[in-house]
Amino acid sequence: MKVKELIDELRKYPADMRIILCGYEEGYVDLQIIKLTEIELNVNKESYYGPHDDVDELNNHKADEVALLLS
């Protein structure tokens, strides 16, 4: 999802509506972090990991993109 797509979606809702995320096991948590992070795309093959990951600077990997992390 790109920022424009998120903005377009959020415009459909009241500005004072709470934003929540899935909790670790169950339940929900409030959005707490919004930050830029450098990522590598499609590096995790295991199904239990998300496909993208942080840049591995120790192995001289370069970022494929800078993304906005919400958590």
C-alpha atoms as a PDB file:
ATOM      1  CA  MET A   1       0.000   0.000   0.000  1.00  0.00           C
ATOM      2  CA  LYS A   2       1.245   3.479  -0.824  1.00  0.00           C
ATOM      3  CA  VAL A   3       0.680   6.641   1.271  1.00  0.00           C
ATOM      4  CA  LYS A   4      -1.813   7.997  -1.284  1.00  0.00           C
ATOM      5  CA  GLU A   5      -3.896   4.817  -1.031  1.00  0.00           C
ATOM      6  CA  LEU A   6      -3.882   5.006   2.773  1.00  0.00           C
ATOM      7  CA  ILE A   7      -4.885   8.687   2.738  1.00  0.00           C
ATOM      8  CA  ASP A   8      -7.707   7.974   0.283  1.00  0.00           C
ATOM      9  CA  GLU A   9      -8.977   5.169   2.517  1.00  0.00           C
ATOM     10  CA  LEU A  10      -8.692   7.207   5.739  1.00  0.00           C
ATOM     11  CA  ARG A  11     -10.667  10.097   4.218  1.00  0.00           C
ATOM     12  CA  LYS A  12     -13.751   7.843   4.344  1.00  0.00           C
ATOM     13  CA  TYR A  13     -13.789   7.939   8.173  1.00  0.00           C
ATOM     14  CA  PRO A  14     -14.151  10.592  10.885  1.00  0.00           C
ATOM     15  CA  ALA A  15     -10.891  12.356  11.795  1.00  0.00           C
ATOM     16  CA  ASP A  16     -11.320  11.464  15.484  1.00  0.00           C
ATOM     17  CA  MET A  17     -11.794   7.702  14.917  1.00  0.00           C
ATOM     18  CA  ARG A  18      -9.302   5.488  16.768  1.00  0.00           C
ATOM     19  CA  ILE A  19      -6.765   3.474  14.742  1.00  0.00           C
ATOM     20  CA  ILE A  20      -5.956   0.024  16.173  1.00  0.00           C
ATOM     21  CA  LEU A  21      -3.709  -2.889  15.216  1.00  0.00           C
ATOM     22  CA  CYS A  22      -3.903  -6.605  15.979  1.00  0.00           C
ATOM     23  CA  GLY A  23      -2.226  -7.532  19.252  1.00  0.00           C
ATOM     24  CA  TYR A  24       0.587 -10.075  19.503  1.00  0.00           C
ATOM     25  CA  GLU A  25      -1.622 -13.033  20.409  1.00  0.00           C
ATOM     26  CA  GLU A  26      -5.173 -11.680  20.584  1.00  0.00           C
ATOM     27  CA  GLY A  27      -6.976  -8.416  21.147  1.00  0.00           C
ATOM     28  CA  TYR A  28      -6.064  -5.012  19.741  1.00  0.00           C
ATOM     29  CA  VAL A  29      -3.569  -2.247  20.517  1.00  0.00           C
ATOM     30  CA  ASP A  30      -3.449   1.439  19.654  1.00  0.00           C
ATOM     31  CA  LEU A  31      -1.143   2.634  16.893  1.00  0.00           C
ATOM     32  CA  GLN A  32       2.056   3.693  18.686  1.00  0.00           C
ATOM     33  CA  ILE A  33       4.877   4.022  16.144  1.00  0.00           C
ATOM     34  CA  ILE A  34       5.100   5.813  12.822  1.00  0.00           C
ATOM     35  CA  LYS A  35       8.631   5.918  11.430  1.00  0.00           C
ATOM     36  CA  LEU A  36      10.646   5.638   8.244  1.00  0.00           C
ATOM     37  CA  THR A  37      12.609   2.418   7.818  1.00  0.00           C
ATOM     38  CA  GLU A  38      14.838   1.029   5.080  1.00  0.00           C
ATOM     39  CA  ILE A  39      13.688  -2.364   3.830  1.00  0.00           C
ATOM     40  CA  GLU A  40      14.668  -5.137   1.468  1.00  0.00           C
ATOM     41  CA  LEU A  41      11.796  -6.550  -0.563  1.00  0.00           C
ATOM     42  CA  ASN A  42      10.849 -10.245  -0.765  1.00  0.00           C
ATOM     43  CA  VAL A  43      13.768 -11.610   1.268  1.00  0.00           C
ATOM     44  CA  ASN A  44      11.894 -13.870   3.718  1.00  0.00           C
ATOM     45  CA  LYS A  45      10.717 -17.169   2.264  1.00  0.00           C
ATOM     46  CA  GLU A  46       9.235 -18.710   5.443  1.00  0.00           C
ATOM     47  CA  SER A  47       5.429 -18.434   5.546  1.00  0.00           C
ATOM     48  CA  TYR A  48       5.427 -17.260   9.175  1.00  0.00           C
ATOM     49  CA  TYR A  49       7.510 -14.146   8.343  1.00  0.00           C
ATOM     50  CA  GLY A  50       6.366 -11.171   6.333  1.00  0.00           C
ATOM     51  CA  PRO A  51       8.067 -11.118   2.912  1.00  0.00           C
ATOM     52  CA  HIS A  52      10.001  -7.873   3.506  1.00  0.00           C
ATOM     53  CA  ASP A  53      12.596  -7.135   6.201  1.00  0.00           C
ATOM     54  CA  ASP A  54      14.927  -4.470   7.581  1.00  0.00           C
ATOM     55  CA  VAL A  55      18.108  -3.823   5.652  1.00  0.00           C
ATOM     56  CA  ASP A  56      20.902  -6.135   6.810  1.00  0.00           C
ATOM     57  CA  GLU A  57      23.689  -3.558   7.144  1.00  0.00           C
ATOM     58  CA  LEU A  58      26.089  -6.138   8.591  1.00  0.00           C
ATOM     59  CA  ASN A  59      26.063  -7.975   5.241  1.00  0.00           C
ATOM     60  CA  ASN A  60      26.331  -4.745   3.203  1.00  0.00           C
ATOM     61  CA  HIS A  61      22.797  -5.064   1.855  1.00  0.00           C
ATOM     62  CA  LYS A  62      21.237  -1.941   0.381  1.00  0.00           C
ATOM     63  CA  ALA A  63      17.657  -0.803   0.819  1.00  0.00           C
ATOM     64  CA  ASP A  64      15.209  -1.575  -1.952  1.00  0.00           C
ATOM     65  CA  GLU A  65      12.845   1.062  -0.544  1.00  0.00           C
ATOM     66  CA  VAL A  66      12.283   3.402   2.338  1.00  0.00           C
ATOM     67  CA  ALA A  67       8.890   2.580   3.843  1.00  0.00           C
ATOM     68  CA  LEU A  68       6.637   4.061   6.511  1.00  0.00           C
ATOM     69  CA  LEU A  69       6.359   1.632   9.440  1.00  0.00           C
ATOM     70  CA  LEU A  70       3.122   1.726  11.450  1.00  0.00           C
ATOM     71  CA  SER A  71       2.934  -0.388  14.577  1.00  0.00           C
END
